[in-house]
Amino acid sequence: MNESTLDMQAIQENTQFLGKVRLISAVFSGLAAGIFGFTNLIGFAWYYFIYLFTSTLLLVKLKFDLKAYLLTSPLSFFVFGMFKHLMAFVLFWALAYTVTEIY
């Protein structure tokens, strides 16, 4: 097999794994935002900060070589799934905020 040949199944599995890591990150950052009592734009700024931090850590884990593992550009790597995982963040943010701050 040629080195330039890409294994599409491996790329798909890598993409799914990144989605799962980002989903877990969104859930735990939502819990943290609720426990810390963040409200309004501060909570959303927290989400975007954690999302970019998680993406940076993943990029470091990939040794800054996206082409070896994914078929994306660096920009799409950072933007991929940002709004998809936002709903999970808001759900757990509201849950944790309600449990810790209201009750």
PDB file of N, CA and C in Angstrom:
ATOM      1  N   MET A   1       0.843  -1.187   0.000  1.00  0.00           N
ATOM      2  CA  MET A   1       0.000   0.000   0.000  1.00  0.00           C
ATOM      3  C   MET A   1       0.885   1.246   0.000  1.00  0.00           C
ATOM      4  N   ASN A   2       0.517   2.195  -0.768  1.00  0.00           N
ATOM      5  CA  ASN A   2       1.248   3.445  -0.925  1.00  0.00           C
ATOM      6  C   ASN A   2       1.064   4.330   0.312  1.00  0.00           C
ATOM      7  N   GLU A   3       2.124   5.092   0.676  1.00  0.00           N
ATOM      8  CA  GLU A   3       2.025   5.976   1.840  1.00  0.00           C
ATOM      9  C   GLU A   3       1.005   7.089   1.635  1.00  0.00           C
ATOM     10  N   SER A   4       0.792   7.506   0.410  1.00  0.00           N
ATOM     11  CA  SER A   4      -0.143   8.597   0.137  1.00  0.00           C
ATOM     12  C   SER A   4      -1.598   8.130   0.175  1.00  0.00           C
ATOM     13  N   THR A   5      -1.809   6.830   0.211  1.00  0.00           N
ATOM     14  CA  THR A   5      -3.161   6.307   0.284  1.00  0.00           C
ATOM     15  C   THR A   5      -3.706   6.495   1.687  1.00  0.00           C
ATOM     16  N   LEU A   6      -4.891   7.036   1.764  1.00  0.00           N
ATOM     17  CA  LEU A   6      -5.517   7.286   3.055  1.00  0.00           C
ATOM     18  C   LEU A   6      -6.520   6.184   3.368  1.00  0.00           C
ATOM     19  N   ASP A   7      -6.530   5.754   4.584  1.00  0.00           N
ATOM     20  CA  ASP A   7      -7.500   4.763   5.021  1.00  0.00           C
ATOM     21  C   ASP A   7      -8.753   5.509   5.487  1.00  0.00           C
ATOM     22  N   MET A   8      -9.787   5.475   4.689  1.00  0.00           N
ATOM     23  CA  MET A   8     -10.990   6.257   4.963  1.00  0.00           C
ATOM     24  C   MET A   8     -11.685   5.793   6.246  1.00  0.00           C
ATOM     25  N   GLN A   9     -11.635   4.526   6.545  1.00  0.00           N
ATOM     26  CA  GLN A   9     -12.253   4.037   7.772  1.00  0.00           C
ATOM     27  C   GLN A   9     -11.523   4.598   8.993  1.00  0.00           C
ATOM     28  N   ALA A  10     -10.204   4.646   8.940  1.00  0.00           N
ATOM     29  CA  ALA A  10      -9.431   5.199  10.050  1.00  0.00           C
ATOM     30  C   ALA A  10      -9.721   6.690  10.224  1.00  0.00           C
ATOM     31  N   ILE A  11      -9.840   7.401   9.127  1.00  0.00           N
ATOM     32  CA  ILE A  11     -10.150   8.836   9.199  1.00  0.00           C
ATOM     33  C   ILE A  11     -11.534   9.051   9.792  1.00  0.00           C
ATOM     34  N   GLN A  12     -12.490   8.214   9.397  1.00  0.00           N
ATOM     35  CA  GLN A  12     -13.840   8.320   9.952  1.00  0.00           C
ATOM     36  C   GLN A  12     -13.837   8.019  11.445  1.00  0.00           C
ATOM     37  N   GLU A  13     -13.103   7.012  11.867  1.00  0.00           N
ATOM     38  CA  GLU A  13     -13.010   6.686  13.294  1.00  0.00           C
ATOM     39  C   GLU A  13     -12.331   7.804  14.073  1.00  0.00           C
ATOM     40  N   ASN A  14     -11.300   8.412  13.498  1.00  0.00           N
ATOM     41  CA  ASN A  14     -10.641   9.544  14.146  1.00  0.00           C
ATOM     42  C   ASN A  14     -11.592  10.721  14.316  1.00  0.00           C
ATOM     43  N   THR A  15     -12.383  10.991  13.287  1.00  0.00           N
ATOM     44  CA  THR A  15     -13.347  12.088  13.354  1.00  0.00           C
ATOM     45  C   THR A  15     -14.408  11.819  14.415  1.00  0.00           C
ATOM     46  N   GLN A  16     -14.891  10.585  14.486  1.00  0.00           N
ATOM     47  CA  GLN A  16     -15.874  10.229  15.515  1.00  0.00           C
ATOM     48  C   GLN A  16     -15.274  10.337  16.910  1.00  0.00           C
ATOM     49  N   PHE A  17     -14.029   9.928  17.072  1.00  0.00           N
ATOM     50  CA  PHE A  17     -13.374  10.030  18.367  1.00  0.00           C
ATOM     51  C   PHE A  17     -13.240  11.486  18.798  1.00  0.00           C
ATOM     52  N   LEU A  18     -12.858  12.355  17.875  1.00  0.00           N
ATOM     53  CA  LEU A  18     -12.759  13.781  18.198  1.00  0.00           C
ATOM     54  C   LEU A  18     -14.109  14.344  18.606  1.00  0.00           C
ATOM     55  N   GLY A  19     -15.168  13.921  17.937  1.00  0.00           N
ATOM     56  CA  GLY A  19     -16.512  14.360  18.303  1.00  0.00           C
ATOM     57  C   GLY A  19     -16.883  13.913  19.708  1.00  0.00           C
ATOM     58  N   LYS A  20     -16.517  12.688  20.057  1.00  0.00           N
ATOM     59  CA  LYS A  20     -16.822  12.184  21.400  1.00  0.00           C
ATOM     60  C   LYS A  20     -16.038  12.929  22.468  1.00  0.00           C
ATOM     61  N   VAL A  21     -14.779  13.204  22.203  1.00  0.00           N
ATOM     62  CA  VAL A  21     -13.964  13.953  23.165  1.00  0.00           C
ATOM     63  C   VAL A  21     -14.535  15.345  23.366  1.00  0.00           C
ATOM     64  N   ARG A  22     -14.931  15.980  22.289  1.00  0.00           N
ATOM     65  CA  ARG A  22     -15.493  17.329  22.400  1.00  0.00           C
ATOM     66  C   ARG A  22     -16.852  17.321  23.081  1.00  0.00           C
ATOM     67  N   LEU A  23     -17.624  16.279  22.886  1.00  0.00           N
ATOM     68  CA  LEU A  23     -18.908  16.160  23.580  1.00  0.00           C
ATOM     69  C   LEU A  23     -18.694  16.004  25.083  1.00  0.00           C
ATOM     70  N   ILE A  24     -17.780  15.157  25.474  1.00  0.00           N
ATOM     71  CA  ILE A  24     -17.472  14.983  26.902  1.00  0.00           C
ATOM     72  C   ILE A  24     -16.951  16.283  27.494  1.00  0.00           C
ATOM     73  N   SER A  25     -16.125  16.992  26.738  1.00  0.00           N
ATOM     74  CA  SER A  25     -15.624  18.283  27.190  1.00  0.00           C
ATOM     75  C   SER A  25     -16.759  19.283  27.368  1.00  0.00           C
ATOM     76  N   ALA A  26     -17.729  19.283  26.462  1.00  0.00           N
ATOM     77  CA  ALA A  26     -18.875  20.196  26.564  1.00  0.00           C
ATOM     78  C   ALA A  26     -19.725  19.867  27.781  1.00  0.00           C
ATOM     79  N   VAL A  27     -19.921  18.588  28.055  1.00  0.00           N
ATOM     80  CA  VAL A  27     -20.728  18.181  29.212  1.00  0.00           C
ATOM     81  C   VAL A  27     -20.056  18.622  30.508  1.00  0.00           C
ATOM     82  N   PHE A  28     -18.773  18.326  30.655  1.00  0.00           N
ATOM     83  CA  PHE A  28     -18.090  18.683  31.901  1.00  0.00           C
ATOM     84  C   PHE A  28     -17.882  20.187  32.040  1.00  0.00           C
ATOM     85  N   SER A  29     -17.690  20.890  30.934  1.00  0.00           N
ATOM     86  CA  SER A  29     -17.579  22.349  31.048  1.00  0.00           C
ATOM     87  C   SER A  29     -18.934  22.967  31.384  1.00  0.00           C
ATOM     88  N   GLY A  30     -20.034  22.349  30.918  1.00  0.00           N
ATOM     89  CA  GLY A  30     -21.366  22.814  31.308  1.00  0.00           C
ATOM     90  C   GLY A  30     -21.611  22.598  32.790  1.00  0.00           C
ATOM     91  N   LEU A  31     -21.208  21.450  33.294  1.00  0.00           N
ATOM     92  CA  LEU A  31     -21.329  21.201  34.734  1.00  0.00           C
ATOM     93  C   LEU A  31     -20.494  22.200  35.534  1.00  0.00           C
ATOM     94  N   ALA A  32     -19.290  22.465  35.071  1.00  0.00           N
ATOM     95  CA  ALA A  32     -18.421  23.420  35.771  1.00  0.00           C
ATOM     96  C   ALA A  32     -19.010  24.830  35.729  1.00  0.00           C
ATOM     97  N   ALA A  33     -19.558  25.232  34.590  1.00  0.00           N
ATOM     98  CA  ALA A  33     -20.153  26.567  34.479  1.00  0.00           C
ATOM     99  C   ALA A  33     -21.335  26.711  35.427  1.00  0.00           C
ATOM    100  N   GLY A  34     -22.135  25.663  35.559  1.00  0.00           N
ATOM    101  CA  GLY A  34     -23.265  25.716  36.476  1.00  0.00           C
ATOM    102  C   GLY A  34     -22.829  25.747  37.931  1.00  0.00           C
ATOM    103  N   ILE A  35     -21.833  24.959  38.266  1.00  0.00           N
ATOM    104  CA  ILE A  35     -21.336  24.926  39.651  1.00  0.00           C
ATOM    105  C   ILE A  35     -20.680  26.248  40.015  1.00  0.00           C
ATOM    106  N   PHE A  36     -19.931  26.831  39.068  1.00  0.00           N
ATOM    107  CA  PHE A  36     -19.289  28.125  39.331  1.00  0.00           C
ATOM    108  C   PHE A  36     -20.289  29.275  39.342  1.00  0.00           C
ATOM    109  N   GLY A  37     -21.508  29.035  38.883  1.00  0.00           N
ATOM    110  CA  GLY A  37     -22.545  30.057  38.896  1.00  0.00           C
ATOM    111  C   GLY A  37     -22.464  31.048  37.753  1.00  0.00           C
ATOM    112  N   PHE A  38     -21.869  30.649  36.646  1.00  0.00           N
ATOM    113  CA  PHE A  38     -21.774  31.539  35.497  1.00  0.00           C
ATOM    114  C   PHE A  38     -23.162  31.779  34.906  1.00  0.00           C
ATOM    115  N   THR A  39     -23.406  33.001  34.499  1.00  0.00           N
ATOM    116  CA  THR A  39     -24.674  33.346  33.861  1.00  0.00           C
ATOM    117  C   THR A  39     -24.395  34.164  32.605  1.00  0.00           C
ATOM    118  N   ASN A  40     -25.369  34.194  31.731  1.00  0.00           N
ATOM    119  CA  ASN A  40     -25.349  35.012  30.517  1.00  0.00           C
ATOM    120  C   ASN A  40     -24.130  34.759  29.641  1.00  0.00           C
ATOM    121  N   LEU A  41     -23.510  35.829  29.185  1.00  0.00           N
ATOM    122  CA  LEU A  41     -22.412  35.706  28.231  1.00  0.00           C
ATOM    123  C   LEU A  41     -21.154  35.107  28.832  1.00  0.00           C
ATOM    124  N   ILE A  42     -20.994  35.221  30.133  1.00  0.00           N
ATOM    125  CA  ILE A  42     -19.820  34.630  30.772  1.00  0.00           C
ATOM    126  C   ILE A  42     -19.836  33.109  30.604  1.00  0.00           C
ATOM    127  N   GLY A  43     -21.006  32.511  30.707  1.00  0.00           N
ATOM    128  CA  GLY A  43     -21.127  31.072  30.513  1.00  0.00           C
ATOM    129  C   GLY A  43     -20.787  30.659  29.093  1.00  0.00           C
ATOM    130  N   PHE A  44     -21.247  31.418  28.110  1.00  0.00           N
ATOM    131  CA  PHE A  44     -20.931  31.092  26.725  1.00  0.00           C
ATOM    132  C   PHE A  44     -19.454  31.345  26.418  1.00  0.00           C
ATOM    133  N   ALA A  45     -18.885  32.395  27.013  1.00  0.00           N
ATOM    134  CA  ALA A  45     -17.451  32.638  26.848  1.00  0.00           C
ATOM    135  C   ALA A  45     -16.652  31.472  27.449  1.00  0.00           C
ATOM    136  N   TRP A  46     -17.122  30.939  28.577  1.00  0.00           N
ATOM    137  CA  TRP A  46     -16.492  29.773  29.200  1.00  0.00           C
ATOM    138  C   TRP A  46     -16.520  28.586  28.226  1.00  0.00           C
ATOM    139  N   TYR A  47     -17.668  28.363  27.594  1.00  0.00           N
ATOM    140  CA  TYR A  47     -17.789  27.256  26.638  1.00  0.00           C
ATOM    141  C   TYR A  47     -16.789  27.410  25.490  1.00  0.00           C
ATOM    142  N   TYR A  48     -16.732  28.593  24.908  1.00  0.00           N
ATOM    143  CA  TYR A  48     -15.837  28.789  23.768  1.00  0.00           C
ATOM    144  C   TYR A  48     -14.379  28.684  24.198  1.00  0.00           C
ATOM    145  N   PHE A  49     -14.055  29.163  25.385  1.00  0.00           N
ATOM    146  CA  PHE A  49     -12.691  29.023  25.888  1.00  0.00           C
ATOM    147  C   PHE A  49     -12.328  27.550  26.062  1.00  0.00           C
ATOM    148  N   ILE A  50     -13.184  26.781  26.709  1.00  0.00           N
ATOM    149  CA  ILE A  50     -12.921  25.358  26.926  1.00  0.00           C
ATOM    150  C   ILE A  50     -12.893  24.609  25.601  1.00  0.00           C
ATOM    151  N   TYR A  51     -13.770  24.966  24.680  1.00  0.00           N
ATOM    152  CA  TYR A  51     -13.797  24.303  23.375  1.00  0.00           C
ATOM    153  C   TYR A  51     -12.485  24.529  22.625  1.00  0.00           C
ATOM    154  N   LEU A  52     -12.017  25.766  22.606  1.00  0.00           N
ATOM    155  CA  LEU A  52     -10.751  26.067  21.931  1.00  0.00           C
ATOM    156  C   LEU A  52      -9.567  25.439  22.665  1.00  0.00           C
ATOM    157  N   PHE A  53      -9.620  25.403  23.988  1.00  0.00           N
ATOM    158  CA  PHE A  53      -8.567  24.766  24.773  1.00  0.00           C
ATOM    159  C   PHE A  53      -8.515  23.266  24.476  1.00  0.00           C
ATOM    160  N   THR A  54      -9.681  22.617  24.425  1.00  0.00           N
ATOM    161  CA  THR A  54      -9.743  21.192  24.103  1.00  0.00           C
ATOM    162  C   THR A  54      -9.228  20.935  22.694  1.00  0.00           C
ATOM    163  N   SER A  55      -9.606  21.776  21.755  1.00  0.00           N
ATOM    164  CA  SER A  55      -9.132  21.618  20.380  1.00  0.00           C
ATOM    165  C   SER A  55      -7.619  21.784  20.297  1.00  0.00           C
ATOM    166  N   THR A  56      -7.079  22.718  21.055  1.00  0.00           N
ATOM    167  CA  THR A  56      -5.633  22.911  21.067  1.00  0.00           C
ATOM    168  C   THR A  56      -4.925  21.698  21.656  1.00  0.00           C
ATOM    169  N   LEU A  57      -5.475  21.149  22.738  1.00  0.00           N
ATOM    170  CA  LEU A  57      -4.878  19.943  23.313  1.00  0.00           C
ATOM    171  C   LEU A  57      -4.936  18.767  22.341  1.00  0.00           C
ATOM    172  N   LEU A  58      -6.036  18.648  21.615  1.00  0.00           N
ATOM    173  CA  LEU A  58      -6.130  17.589  20.620  1.00  0.00           C
ATOM    174  C   LEU A  58      -5.123  17.799  19.503  1.00  0.00           C
ATOM    175  N   LEU A  59      -4.916  19.036  19.105  1.00  0.00           N
ATOM    176  CA  LEU A  59      -3.935  19.333  18.074  1.00  0.00           C
ATOM    177  C   LEU A  59      -2.527  18.994  18.543  1.00  0.00           C
ATOM    178  N   VAL A  60      -2.239  19.260  19.800  1.00  0.00           N
ATOM    179  CA  VAL A  60      -0.936  18.883  20.361  1.00  0.00           C
ATOM    180  C   VAL A  60      -0.798  17.363  20.380  1.00  0.00           C
ATOM    181  N   LYS A  61      -1.874  16.674  20.765  1.00  0.00           N
ATOM    182  CA  LYS A  61      -1.855  15.209  20.786  1.00  0.00           C
ATOM    183  C   LYS A  61      -1.610  14.637  19.389  1.00  0.00           C
ATOM    184  N   LEU A  62      -2.126  15.311  18.357  1.00  0.00           N
ATOM    185  CA  LEU A  62      -1.909  14.892  16.978  1.00  0.00           C
ATOM    186  C   LEU A  62      -0.556  15.354  16.440  1.00  0.00           C
ATOM    187  N   LYS A  63       0.227  15.976  17.289  1.00  0.00           N
ATOM    188  CA  LYS A  63       1.568  16.481  16.936  1.00  0.00           C
ATOM    189  C   LYS A  63       1.510  17.473  15.774  1.00  0.00           C
ATOM    190  N   PHE A  64       0.446  18.259  15.744  1.00  0.00           N
ATOM    191  CA  PHE A  64       0.236  19.323  14.745  1.00  0.00           C
ATOM    192  C   PHE A  64       0.231  18.792  13.319  1.00  0.00           C
ATOM    193  N   ASP A  65      -0.060  17.510  13.149  1.00  0.00           N
ATOM    194  CA  ASP A  65      -0.081  16.896  11.827  1.00  0.00           C
ATOM    195  C   ASP A  65      -1.497  16.418  11.514  1.00  0.00           C
ATOM    196  N   LEU A  66      -2.347  17.350  11.126  1.00  0.00           N
ATOM    197  CA  LEU A  66      -3.744  17.016  10.847  1.00  0.00           C
ATOM    198  C   LEU A  66      -3.892  16.123   9.615  1.00  0.00           C
ATOM    199  N   LYS A  67      -3.047  16.321   8.631  1.00  0.00           N
ATOM    200  CA  LYS A  67      -3.178  15.573   7.381  1.00  0.00           C
ATOM    201  C   LYS A  67      -2.963  14.069   7.576  1.00  0.00           C
ATOM    202  N   ALA A  68      -2.236  13.678   8.595  1.00  0.00           N
ATOM    203  CA  ALA A  68      -1.986  12.255   8.830  1.00  0.00           C
ATOM    204  C   ALA A  68      -3.193  11.552   9.442  1.00  0.00           C
ATOM    205  N   TYR A  69      -4.081  12.316  10.091  1.00  0.00           N
ATOM    206  CA  TYR A  69      -5.188  11.708  10.820  1.00  0.00           C
ATOM    207  C   TYR A  69      -6.567  12.117  10.311  1.00  0.00           C
ATOM    208  N   LEU A  70      -6.678  13.290   9.718  1.00  0.00           N
ATOM    209  CA  LEU A  70      -7.977  13.826   9.326  1.00  0.00           C
ATOM    210  C   LEU A  70      -7.905  14.453   7.944  1.00  0.00           C
ATOM    211  N   LEU A  71      -9.057  14.668   7.359  1.00  0.00           N
ATOM    212  CA  LEU A  71      -9.134  15.360   6.068  1.00  0.00           C
ATOM    213  C   LEU A  71      -9.684  16.768   6.265  1.00  0.00           C
ATOM    214  N   THR A  72      -9.153  17.492   7.209  1.00  0.00           N
ATOM    215  CA  THR A  72      -9.655  18.839   7.495  1.00  0.00           C
ATOM    216  C   THR A  72      -8.518  19.839   7.513  1.00  0.00           C
ATOM    217  N   SER A  73      -8.895  21.083   7.358  1.00  0.00           N
ATOM    218  CA  SER A  73      -7.936  22.174   7.492  1.00  0.00           C
ATOM    219  C   SER A  73      -7.869  22.574   8.964  1.00  0.00           C
ATOM    220  N   PRO A  74      -6.850  23.311   9.358  1.00  0.00           N
ATOM    221  CA  PRO A  74      -6.775  23.743  10.764  1.00  0.00           C
ATOM    222  C   PRO A  74      -7.983  24.573  11.198  1.00  0.00           C
ATOM    223  N   LEU A  75      -8.513  25.409  10.313  1.00  0.00           N
ATOM    224  CA  LEU A  75      -9.684  26.218  10.671  1.00  0.00           C
ATOM    225  C   LEU A  75     -10.898  25.337  10.921  1.00  0.00           C
ATOM    226  N   SER A  76     -11.157  24.414  10.025  1.00  0.00           N
ATOM    227  CA  SER A  76     -12.315  23.547  10.224  1.00  0.00           C
ATOM    228  C   SER A  76     -12.111  22.605  11.402  1.00  0.00           C
ATOM    229  N   PHE A  77     -10.873  22.295  11.738  1.00  0.00           N
ATOM    230  CA  PHE A  77     -10.601  21.476  12.914  1.00  0.00           C
ATOM    231  C   PHE A  77     -11.068  22.189  14.182  1.00  0.00           C
ATOM    232  N   PHE A  78     -10.839  23.495  14.251  1.00  0.00           N
ATOM    233  CA  PHE A  78     -11.240  24.255  15.431  1.00  0.00           C
ATOM    234  C   PHE A  78     -12.728  24.566  15.452  1.00  0.00           C
ATOM    235  N   VAL A  79     -13.367  24.635  14.288  1.00  0.00           N
ATOM    236  CA  VAL A  79     -14.774  25.011  14.220  1.00  0.00           C
ATOM    237  C   VAL A  79     -15.700  23.793  14.215  1.00  0.00           C
ATOM    238  N   PHE A  80     -15.191  22.639  13.810  1.00  0.00           N
ATOM    239  CA  PHE A  80     -15.998  21.427  13.664  1.00  0.00           C
ATOM    240  C   PHE A  80     -16.733  21.072  14.954  1.00  0.00           C
ATOM    241  N   GLY A  81     -18.042  21.016  14.882  1.00  0.00           N
ATOM    242  CA  GLY A  81     -18.851  20.576  16.015  1.00  0.00           C
ATOM    243  C   GLY A  81     -19.074  21.606  17.104  1.00  0.00           C
ATOM    244  N   MET A  82     -18.632  22.835  16.889  1.00  0.00           N
ATOM    245  CA  MET A  82     -18.754  23.839  17.941  1.00  0.00           C
ATOM    246  C   MET A  82     -20.212  24.066  18.330  1.00  0.00           C
ATOM    247  N   PHE A  83     -21.081  24.202  17.361  1.00  0.00           N
ATOM    248  CA  PHE A  83     -22.486  24.460  17.661  1.00  0.00           C
ATOM    249  C   PHE A  83     -23.254  23.169  17.916  1.00  0.00           C
ATOM    250  N   LYS A  84     -22.741  22.078  17.417  1.00  0.00           N
ATOM    251  CA  LYS A  84     -23.366  20.776  17.651  1.00  0.00           C
ATOM    252  C   LYS A  84     -23.308  20.403  19.131  1.00  0.00           C
ATOM    253  N   HIS A  85     -22.224  20.726  19.779  1.00  0.00           N
ATOM    254  CA  HIS A  85     -22.051  20.383  21.185  1.00  0.00           C
ATOM    255  C   HIS A  85     -22.528  21.482  22.129  1.00  0.00           C
ATOM    256  N   LEU A  86     -22.923  22.602  21.574  1.00  0.00           N
ATOM    257  CA  LEU A  86     -23.403  23.707  22.391  1.00  0.00           C
ATOM    258  C   LEU A  86     -24.666  23.328  23.162  1.00  0.00           C
ATOM    259  N   MET A  87     -25.543  22.541  22.560  1.00  0.00           N
ATOM    260  CA  MET A  87     -26.785  22.156  23.234  1.00  0.00           C
ATOM    261  C   MET A  87     -26.519  21.277  24.448  1.00  0.00           C
ATOM    262  N   ALA A  88     -25.557  20.385  24.352  1.00  0.00           N
ATOM    263  CA  ALA A  88     -25.187  19.556  25.507  1.00  0.00           C
ATOM    264  C   ALA A  88     -24.619  20.434  26.613  1.00  0.00           C
ATOM    265  N   PHE A  89     -23.810  21.413  26.228  1.00  0.00           N
ATOM    266  CA  PHE A  89     -23.259  22.339  27.210  1.00  0.00           C
ATOM    267  C   PHE A  89     -24.370  23.084  27.942  1.00  0.00           C
ATOM    268  N   VAL A  90     -25.308  23.635  27.200  1.00  0.00           N
ATOM    269  CA  VAL A  90     -26.399  24.407  27.806  1.00  0.00           C
ATOM    270  C   VAL A  90     -27.256  23.526  28.710  1.00  0.00           C
ATOM    271  N   LEU A  91     -27.511  22.312  28.295  1.00  0.00           N
ATOM    272  CA  LEU A  91     -28.303  21.392  29.106  1.00  0.00           C
ATOM    273  C   LEU A  91     -27.648  21.139  30.456  1.00  0.00           C
ATOM    274  N   PHE A  92     -26.383  20.785  30.459  1.00  0.00           N
ATOM    275  CA  PHE A  92     -25.706  20.491  31.715  1.00  0.00           C
ATOM    276  C   PHE A  92     -25.380  21.746  32.512  1.00  0.00           C
ATOM    277  N   TRP A  93     -25.211  22.871  31.831  1.00  0.00           N
ATOM    278  CA  TRP A  93     -25.014  24.148  32.504  1.00  0.00           C
ATOM    279  C   TRP A  93     -26.266  24.497  33.301  1.00  0.00           C
ATOM    280  N   ALA A  94     -27.425  24.396  32.652  1.00  0.00           N
ATOM    281  CA  ALA A  94     -28.685  24.711  33.334  1.00  0.00           C
ATOM    282  C   ALA A  94     -28.965  23.727  34.470  1.00  0.00           C
ATOM    283  N   LEU A  95     -28.683  22.467  34.242  1.00  0.00           N
ATOM    284  CA  LEU A  95     -28.899  21.460  35.274  1.00  0.00           C
ATOM    285  C   LEU A  95     -28.038  21.723  36.502  1.00  0.00           C
ATOM    286  N   ALA A  96     -26.756  21.935  36.292  1.00  0.00           N
ATOM    287  CA  ALA A  96     -25.848  22.163  37.422  1.00  0.00           C
ATOM    288  C   ALA A  96     -26.166  23.488  38.118  1.00  0.00           C
ATOM    289  N   TYR A  97     -26.503  24.512  37.345  1.00  0.00           N
ATOM    290  CA  TYR A  97     -26.840  25.799  37.943  1.00  0.00           C
ATOM    291  C   TYR A  97     -28.091  25.690  38.805  1.00  0.00           C
ATOM    292  N   THR A  98     -29.081  24.974  38.316  1.00  0.00           N
ATOM    293  CA  THR A  98     -30.320  24.812  39.045  1.00  0.00           C
ATOM    294  C   THR A  98     -30.098  24.033  40.343  1.00  0.00           C
ATOM    295  N   VAL A  99     -29.335  22.991  40.267  1.00  0.00           N
ATOM    296  CA  VAL A  99     -29.100  22.155  41.452  1.00  0.00           C
ATOM    297  C   VAL A  99     -28.269  22.890  42.496  1.00  0.00           C
ATOM    298  N   THR A 100     -27.243  23.628  42.066  1.00  0.00           N
ATOM    299  CA  THR A 100     -26.344  24.249  43.041  1.00  0.00           C
ATOM    300  C   THR A 100     -26.779  25.638  43.491  1.00  0.00           C
ATOM    301  N   GLU A 101     -27.337  26.429  42.606  1.00  0.00           N
ATOM    302  CA  GLU A 101     -27.624  27.819  42.933  1.00  0.00           C
ATOM    303  C   GLU A 101     -29.062  28.058  43.379  1.00  0.00           C
ATOM    304  N   ILE A 102     -30.004  27.288  42.876  1.00  0.00           N
ATOM    305  CA  ILE A 102     -31.405  27.546  43.188  1.00  0.00           C
ATOM    306  C   ILE A 102     -31.882  26.710  44.363  1.00  0.00           C
ATOM    307  N   TYR A 103     -31.494  25.436  44.415  1.00  0.00           N
ATOM    308  CA  TYR A 103     -31.970  24.587  45.492  1.00  0.00           C
ATOM    309  C   TYR A 103     -31.023  24.550  46.651  1.00  0.00           C
TER     310      TYR A 103
END
